[in-house]
N, C-alpha and C. Protein backbone atom coordinates (compact mmCIF):
# COMPACT_ATOMS: atom_id res chain seq x y z
N MET A 1 61.02 26.11 -64.22
CA MET A 1 60.68 26.76 -62.97
C MET A 1 61.53 26.20 -61.83
N LYS A 2 61.83 24.91 -61.90
CA LYS A 2 62.67 24.33 -60.85
C LYS A 2 64.06 24.94 -60.87
N GLU A 3 64.57 25.20 -62.08
CA GLU A 3 65.91 25.75 -62.21
C GLU A 3 66.00 27.18 -61.70
N LEU A 4 64.89 27.91 -61.74
CA LEU A 4 64.89 29.28 -61.24
C LEU A 4 65.16 29.34 -59.75
N HIS A 5 64.76 28.31 -59.04
CA HIS A 5 65.00 28.30 -57.59
C HIS A 5 66.43 27.92 -57.27
N LYS A 6 67.10 27.23 -58.19
CA LYS A 6 68.47 26.77 -57.94
C LYS A 6 69.52 27.76 -58.45
N HIS A 7 69.23 28.43 -59.58
CA HIS A 7 70.22 29.25 -60.26
C HIS A 7 69.67 30.64 -60.55
N THR A 8 70.53 31.46 -61.15
CA THR A 8 70.07 32.78 -61.59
C THR A 8 69.20 32.61 -62.82
N LEU A 9 68.53 33.67 -63.19
CA LEU A 9 67.65 33.63 -64.35
C LEU A 9 68.42 33.31 -65.62
N THR A 10 69.61 33.86 -65.78
CA THR A 10 70.41 33.64 -66.97
C THR A 10 70.78 32.17 -67.12
N ILE A 11 71.22 31.55 -66.06
CA ILE A 11 71.62 30.14 -66.10
C ILE A 11 70.39 29.25 -66.29
N ALA A 12 69.30 29.55 -65.60
CA ALA A 12 68.09 28.74 -65.72
C ALA A 12 67.53 28.81 -67.14
N ALA A 13 67.54 29.99 -67.75
CA ALA A 13 67.05 30.14 -69.13
C ALA A 13 67.95 29.37 -70.09
N ALA A 14 69.24 29.43 -69.89
CA ALA A 14 70.16 28.70 -70.77
C ALA A 14 69.96 27.20 -70.65
N LYS A 15 69.74 26.71 -69.45
CA LYS A 15 69.51 25.27 -69.26
C LYS A 15 68.19 24.84 -69.88
N ALA A 16 67.21 25.73 -69.90
CA ALA A 16 65.91 25.41 -70.49
C ALA A 16 65.91 25.63 -72.00
N GLY A 17 66.97 26.24 -72.54
CA GLY A 17 67.06 26.47 -73.97
C GLY A 17 66.21 27.61 -74.45
N MET A 18 66.06 28.64 -73.62
CA MET A 18 65.25 29.78 -74.01
C MET A 18 66.01 31.07 -73.74
N ASP A 19 65.51 32.14 -74.31
CA ASP A 19 66.10 33.45 -74.12
C ASP A 19 65.81 33.95 -72.71
N VAL A 20 66.66 34.82 -72.22
CA VAL A 20 66.49 35.36 -70.88
C VAL A 20 65.17 36.14 -70.78
N LYS A 21 64.81 36.86 -71.85
CA LYS A 21 63.57 37.63 -71.84
C LYS A 21 62.35 36.71 -71.71
N THR A 22 62.40 35.56 -72.36
CA THR A 22 61.30 34.60 -72.27
C THR A 22 61.22 34.04 -70.86
N GLY A 23 62.36 33.70 -70.28
CA GLY A 23 62.38 33.22 -68.90
C GLY A 23 61.85 34.25 -67.93
N ARG A 24 62.16 35.50 -68.19
CA ARG A 24 61.67 36.58 -67.34
C ARG A 24 60.15 36.69 -67.42
N LYS A 25 59.61 36.49 -68.64
CA LYS A 25 58.16 36.54 -68.83
C LYS A 25 57.47 35.45 -68.01
N TYR A 26 58.02 34.25 -68.05
CA TYR A 26 57.41 33.14 -67.31
C TYR A 26 57.58 33.32 -65.80
N ARG A 27 58.71 33.86 -65.39
CA ARG A 27 58.92 34.11 -63.96
C ARG A 27 57.96 35.18 -63.46
N ARG A 28 57.75 36.23 -64.25
CA ARG A 28 56.85 37.31 -63.86
C ARG A 28 55.41 36.81 -63.77
N ALA A 29 55.02 35.93 -64.71
CA ALA A 29 53.65 35.39 -64.70
C ALA A 29 53.49 34.31 -63.63
N ASN A 30 54.60 33.73 -63.19
CA ASN A 30 54.62 32.64 -62.22
C ASN A 30 53.80 31.45 -62.72
N LYS A 31 53.89 31.21 -64.04
CA LYS A 31 53.19 30.09 -64.65
C LYS A 31 54.11 29.42 -65.66
N LEU A 32 53.81 28.17 -65.94
CA LEU A 32 54.55 27.43 -66.94
C LEU A 32 54.09 27.82 -68.34
N PRO A 33 54.92 27.57 -69.36
CA PRO A 33 54.49 27.90 -70.72
C PRO A 33 53.20 27.20 -71.12
N SER A 34 53.01 25.97 -70.68
CA SER A 34 51.79 25.24 -71.03
C SER A 34 50.55 25.86 -70.37
N GLU A 35 50.74 26.54 -69.26
CA GLU A 35 49.62 27.18 -68.57
C GLU A 35 49.23 28.51 -69.21
N LEU A 36 50.12 29.09 -69.99
CA LEU A 36 49.84 30.37 -70.62
C LEU A 36 49.18 30.24 -71.99
N LYS A 37 49.15 29.03 -72.54
CA LYS A 37 48.55 28.84 -73.86
C LYS A 37 47.05 29.03 -73.79
N ARG A 38 46.53 29.71 -74.81
CA ARG A 38 45.09 29.92 -74.92
C ARG A 38 44.54 28.99 -75.99
N PRO A 39 43.28 28.59 -75.89
CA PRO A 39 42.71 27.72 -76.92
C PRO A 39 42.56 28.47 -78.24
N HIS A 40 42.75 27.75 -79.32
CA HIS A 40 42.62 28.31 -80.66
C HIS A 40 41.14 28.32 -81.03
N ASP A 41 40.53 29.50 -81.06
CA ASP A 41 39.09 29.57 -81.28
C ASP A 41 38.72 30.49 -82.45
N TRP A 42 39.63 30.70 -83.37
CA TRP A 42 39.31 31.53 -84.51
C TRP A 42 39.57 30.76 -85.80
N LEU A 43 38.94 31.22 -86.86
CA LEU A 43 39.12 30.61 -88.18
C LEU A 43 40.01 31.51 -89.02
N LYS A 44 40.87 30.91 -89.79
CA LYS A 44 41.73 31.69 -90.66
C LYS A 44 41.07 31.97 -92.00
N ARG A 45 40.11 31.15 -92.37
CA ARG A 45 39.37 31.35 -93.61
C ARG A 45 37.95 30.86 -93.40
N PRO A 46 37.03 31.31 -94.23
CA PRO A 46 35.64 30.87 -94.08
C PRO A 46 35.49 29.37 -94.33
N ASP A 47 34.54 28.77 -93.65
CA ASP A 47 34.28 27.34 -93.81
C ASP A 47 33.74 27.09 -95.21
N GLN A 48 34.44 26.25 -95.98
CA GLN A 48 34.04 25.99 -97.37
C GLN A 48 32.88 25.01 -97.47
N PHE A 49 32.67 24.20 -96.45
CA PHE A 49 31.63 23.18 -96.45
C PHE A 49 30.76 23.31 -95.19
N PRO A 50 30.01 24.38 -95.05
CA PRO A 50 29.25 24.56 -93.81
C PRO A 50 28.09 23.55 -93.66
N ASP A 51 27.57 23.03 -94.77
CA ASP A 51 26.43 22.11 -94.69
C ASP A 51 26.84 20.65 -94.53
N VAL A 52 28.11 20.35 -94.77
CA VAL A 52 28.58 18.96 -94.70
C VAL A 52 29.03 18.67 -93.27
N LEU A 53 28.52 17.57 -92.73
CA LEU A 53 28.92 17.20 -91.37
C LEU A 53 29.86 16.11 -91.46
């Protein structure tokens, strides 16, 4: 985000090591990648040991 204020989107994305489209997504959301992460709250398979604590 700091690089976006100094350079163009293309240069800032290259310095961050990401694609221009990804940089555009973060710029449009005006949030950092860590701020866009959602908590993992689903199971991929049923709990095999539901009674064991």
